[in-house]
N, C-alpha and C. Protein backbone atom coordinates (compact mmCIF):
# COMPACT_ATOMS: atom_id res chain seq x y z
N MET A 1 62.85 87.77 186.90
CA MET A 1 62.92 88.52 185.66
C MET A 1 63.51 89.89 185.96
N SER A 2 64.46 90.28 185.17
CA SER A 2 65.13 91.56 185.37
C SER A 2 64.39 92.67 184.62
N LEU A 3 64.24 93.78 185.29
CA LEU A 3 63.59 94.93 184.67
C LEU A 3 64.58 95.80 183.92
N GLN A 4 65.86 95.58 184.13
CA GLN A 4 66.87 96.44 183.54
C GLN A 4 66.79 96.51 182.02
N PRO A 5 66.65 95.39 181.30
CA PRO A 5 66.54 95.52 179.83
C PRO A 5 65.35 96.38 179.41
N THR A 6 64.24 96.24 180.11
CA THR A 6 63.06 97.05 179.78
C THR A 6 63.32 98.52 180.05
N VAL A 7 63.96 98.82 181.16
CA VAL A 7 64.28 100.21 181.49
C VAL A 7 65.25 100.76 180.46
N ASP A 8 66.23 99.98 180.07
CA ASP A 8 67.19 100.43 179.06
C ASP A 8 66.50 100.73 177.73
N ILE A 9 65.57 99.88 177.35
CA ILE A 9 64.83 100.10 176.10
C ILE A 9 64.03 101.40 176.19
N LEU A 10 63.35 101.61 177.31
CA LEU A 10 62.55 102.82 177.48
C LEU A 10 63.44 104.07 177.51
N LYS A 11 64.61 103.96 178.12
CA LYS A 11 65.53 105.10 178.16
C LYS A 11 66.03 105.45 176.76
N LYS A 12 66.32 104.44 175.97
CA LYS A 12 66.75 104.69 174.59
C LYS A 12 65.62 105.32 173.78
N LYS A 13 64.42 104.82 173.98
CA LYS A 13 63.26 105.39 173.30
C LYS A 13 63.07 106.85 173.71
N ARG A 14 63.26 107.13 175.01
CA ARG A 14 63.12 108.50 175.50
C ARG A 14 64.18 109.42 174.90
N LYS A 15 65.39 108.89 174.74
CA LYS A 15 66.47 109.69 174.16
C LYS A 15 66.11 110.14 172.75
N VAL A 16 65.56 109.24 171.97
CA VAL A 16 65.15 109.57 170.60
C VAL A 16 63.99 110.58 170.62
N MET A 17 63.02 110.34 171.49
CA MET A 17 61.87 111.25 171.58
C MET A 17 62.30 112.63 172.05
N ARG A 18 63.24 112.69 172.99
CA ARG A 18 63.72 113.97 173.51
C ARG A 18 64.47 114.74 172.43
N ALA A 19 65.23 114.04 171.60
CA ALA A 19 65.93 114.70 170.50
C ALA A 19 64.94 115.29 169.50
N ALA A 20 63.88 114.53 169.19
CA ALA A 20 62.85 115.03 168.28
C ALA A 20 62.15 116.25 168.87
N PHE A 21 61.89 116.22 170.17
CA PHE A 21 61.27 117.34 170.87
C PHE A 21 62.16 118.58 170.77
N ALA A 22 63.45 118.41 171.02
CA ALA A 22 64.39 119.53 170.97
C ALA A 22 64.47 120.11 169.56
N ARG A 23 64.50 119.24 168.54
CA ARG A 23 64.54 119.74 167.16
C ARG A 23 63.29 120.54 166.84
N LEU A 24 62.14 120.03 167.24
CA LEU A 24 60.90 120.74 166.98
C LEU A 24 60.86 122.07 167.73
N CYS A 25 61.35 122.09 168.94
CA CYS A 25 61.40 123.32 169.72
C CYS A 25 62.28 124.36 169.02
N ASN A 26 63.43 123.92 168.53
CA ASN A 26 64.31 124.83 167.79
C ASN A 26 63.65 125.33 166.52
N THR A 27 62.95 124.46 165.82
CA THR A 27 62.24 124.86 164.61
C THR A 27 61.17 125.89 164.93
N LEU A 28 60.44 125.66 166.00
CA LEU A 28 59.40 126.60 166.41
C LEU A 28 59.99 127.96 166.73
N GLU A 29 61.10 127.99 167.44
CA GLU A 29 61.75 129.26 167.75
C GLU A 29 62.19 129.97 166.48
N GLU A 30 62.72 129.21 165.53
CA GLU A 30 63.16 129.79 164.26
C GLU A 30 61.98 130.35 163.47
N VAL A 31 60.92 129.59 163.38
CA VAL A 31 59.73 130.04 162.63
C VAL A 31 59.13 131.27 163.30
N ALA A 32 59.04 131.25 164.61
CA ALA A 32 58.45 132.37 165.34
C ALA A 32 59.27 133.64 165.17
N SER A 33 60.58 133.51 165.07
CA SER A 33 61.42 134.70 164.97
C SER A 33 61.44 135.29 163.57
N ARG A 34 61.21 134.48 162.55
CA ARG A 34 61.31 135.01 161.18
C ARG A 34 59.95 135.28 160.52
N GLU A 35 58.91 134.68 161.03
CA GLU A 35 57.60 134.88 160.42
C GLU A 35 57.04 136.25 160.77
N ARG A 36 56.44 136.85 159.77
CA ARG A 36 55.73 138.10 160.02
C ARG A 36 54.42 137.76 160.72
N PRO A 37 53.98 138.65 161.56
CA PRO A 37 52.71 138.38 162.25
C PRO A 37 51.52 138.49 161.29
N ASP A 38 51.27 137.44 160.56
CA ASP A 38 50.11 137.39 159.67
C ASP A 38 49.44 136.04 159.84
N GLU A 39 48.42 135.82 159.07
CA GLU A 39 47.65 134.59 159.23
C GLU A 39 48.47 133.34 158.90
N LYS A 40 49.29 133.41 157.87
CA LYS A 40 50.10 132.26 157.48
C LYS A 40 51.12 131.92 158.57
N GLY A 41 51.79 132.94 159.06
CA GLY A 41 52.78 132.72 160.12
C GLY A 41 52.14 132.19 161.38
N ASP A 42 50.97 132.75 161.72
CA ASP A 42 50.27 132.30 162.92
C ASP A 42 49.88 130.82 162.82
N SER A 43 49.39 130.42 161.66
CA SER A 43 48.96 129.03 161.51
C SER A 43 50.15 128.07 161.57
N ARG A 44 51.29 128.48 161.03
CA ARG A 44 52.49 127.63 161.11
C ARG A 44 52.96 127.49 162.56
N ILE A 45 52.94 128.60 163.27
CA ILE A 45 53.35 128.57 164.67
C ILE A 45 52.40 127.70 165.49
N LEU A 46 51.11 127.85 165.24
CA LEU A 46 50.13 127.04 165.97
C LEU A 46 50.28 125.56 165.66
N ALA A 47 50.58 125.24 164.42
CA ALA A 47 50.78 123.83 164.05
C ALA A 47 52.01 123.26 164.76
N HIS A 48 53.08 124.04 164.80
CA HIS A 48 54.28 123.59 165.50
C HIS A 48 54.02 123.46 167.01
N LEU A 49 53.25 124.38 167.56
CA LEU A 49 52.93 124.30 168.99
C LEU A 49 52.13 123.04 169.31
N GLU A 50 51.20 122.70 168.45
CA GLU A 50 50.39 121.49 168.67
C GLU A 50 51.27 120.24 168.64
N LEU A 51 52.18 120.18 167.67
CA LEU A 51 53.11 119.05 167.61
C LEU A 51 53.99 119.00 168.86
N LEU A 52 54.41 120.17 169.32
CA LEU A 52 55.25 120.24 170.52
C LEU A 52 54.48 119.73 171.74
N ARG A 53 53.22 120.10 171.83
CA ARG A 53 52.39 119.60 172.95
C ARG A 53 52.26 118.08 172.91
N GLU A 54 52.03 117.54 171.72
CA GLU A 54 51.91 116.09 171.57
C GLU A 54 53.19 115.38 171.99
N LYS A 55 54.32 115.91 171.56
CA LYS A 55 55.60 115.30 171.91
C LYS A 55 55.87 115.42 173.40
N ALA A 56 55.49 116.55 174.00
CA ALA A 56 55.66 116.72 175.44
C ALA A 56 54.80 115.71 176.20
N ASP A 57 53.58 115.50 175.74
CA ASP A 57 52.70 114.50 176.37
C ASP A 57 53.30 113.10 176.27
N ASN A 58 53.83 112.78 175.10
CA ASN A 58 54.45 111.46 174.90
C ASN A 58 55.67 111.28 175.81
N LEU A 59 56.46 112.34 175.95
CA LEU A 59 57.62 112.27 176.84
C LEU A 59 57.18 112.08 178.29
N THR A 60 56.13 112.76 178.69
CA THR A 60 55.63 112.63 180.06
C THR A 60 55.16 111.21 180.32
N LYS A 61 54.44 110.63 179.37
CA LYS A 61 53.98 109.25 179.52
C LYS A 61 55.16 108.28 179.63
N LEU A 62 56.16 108.50 178.80
CA LEU A 62 57.33 107.63 178.83
C LEU A 62 58.09 107.80 180.14
N ASP A 63 58.21 109.01 180.63
CA ASP A 63 58.84 109.25 181.93
C ASP A 63 58.10 108.50 183.04
N ASP A 64 56.78 108.54 182.98
CA ASP A 64 55.98 107.83 183.98
C ASP A 64 56.22 106.32 183.91
N GLU A 65 56.30 105.79 182.70
CA GLU A 65 56.57 104.35 182.53
C GLU A 65 57.92 103.98 183.14
N ILE A 66 58.92 104.81 182.88
CA ILE A 66 60.25 104.54 183.41
C ILE A 66 60.23 104.59 184.93
N MET A 67 59.61 105.62 185.47
CA MET A 67 59.54 105.76 186.94
C MET A 67 58.80 104.58 187.58
N ASP A 68 57.73 104.14 186.93
CA ASP A 68 56.97 102.99 187.47
C ASP A 68 57.84 101.74 187.54
N LEU A 69 58.68 101.56 186.54
CA LEU A 69 59.56 100.39 186.54
C LEU A 69 60.67 100.52 187.57
N LEU A 70 61.12 101.73 187.80
CA LEU A 70 62.22 101.94 188.76
C LEU A 70 61.76 101.86 190.20
N LEU A 71 60.49 102.18 190.44
CA LEU A 71 59.99 102.18 191.82
C LEU A 71 59.47 100.84 192.25
């Protein structure tokens, strides 16, 4: 059984997840630069940070899966 199709699928999935991560990172930078330091701005930034952490965790897990298949 070849692992290449599985690796290719995971790599494509990672590409999509990485693009979503990059978009969210750019959004966070934009929100942080334009929001006034008040409670509303802080909560928006914190919400974006939490989403960014979740996406980073998902990317790390996917990276581990890919590495496990390659090794």
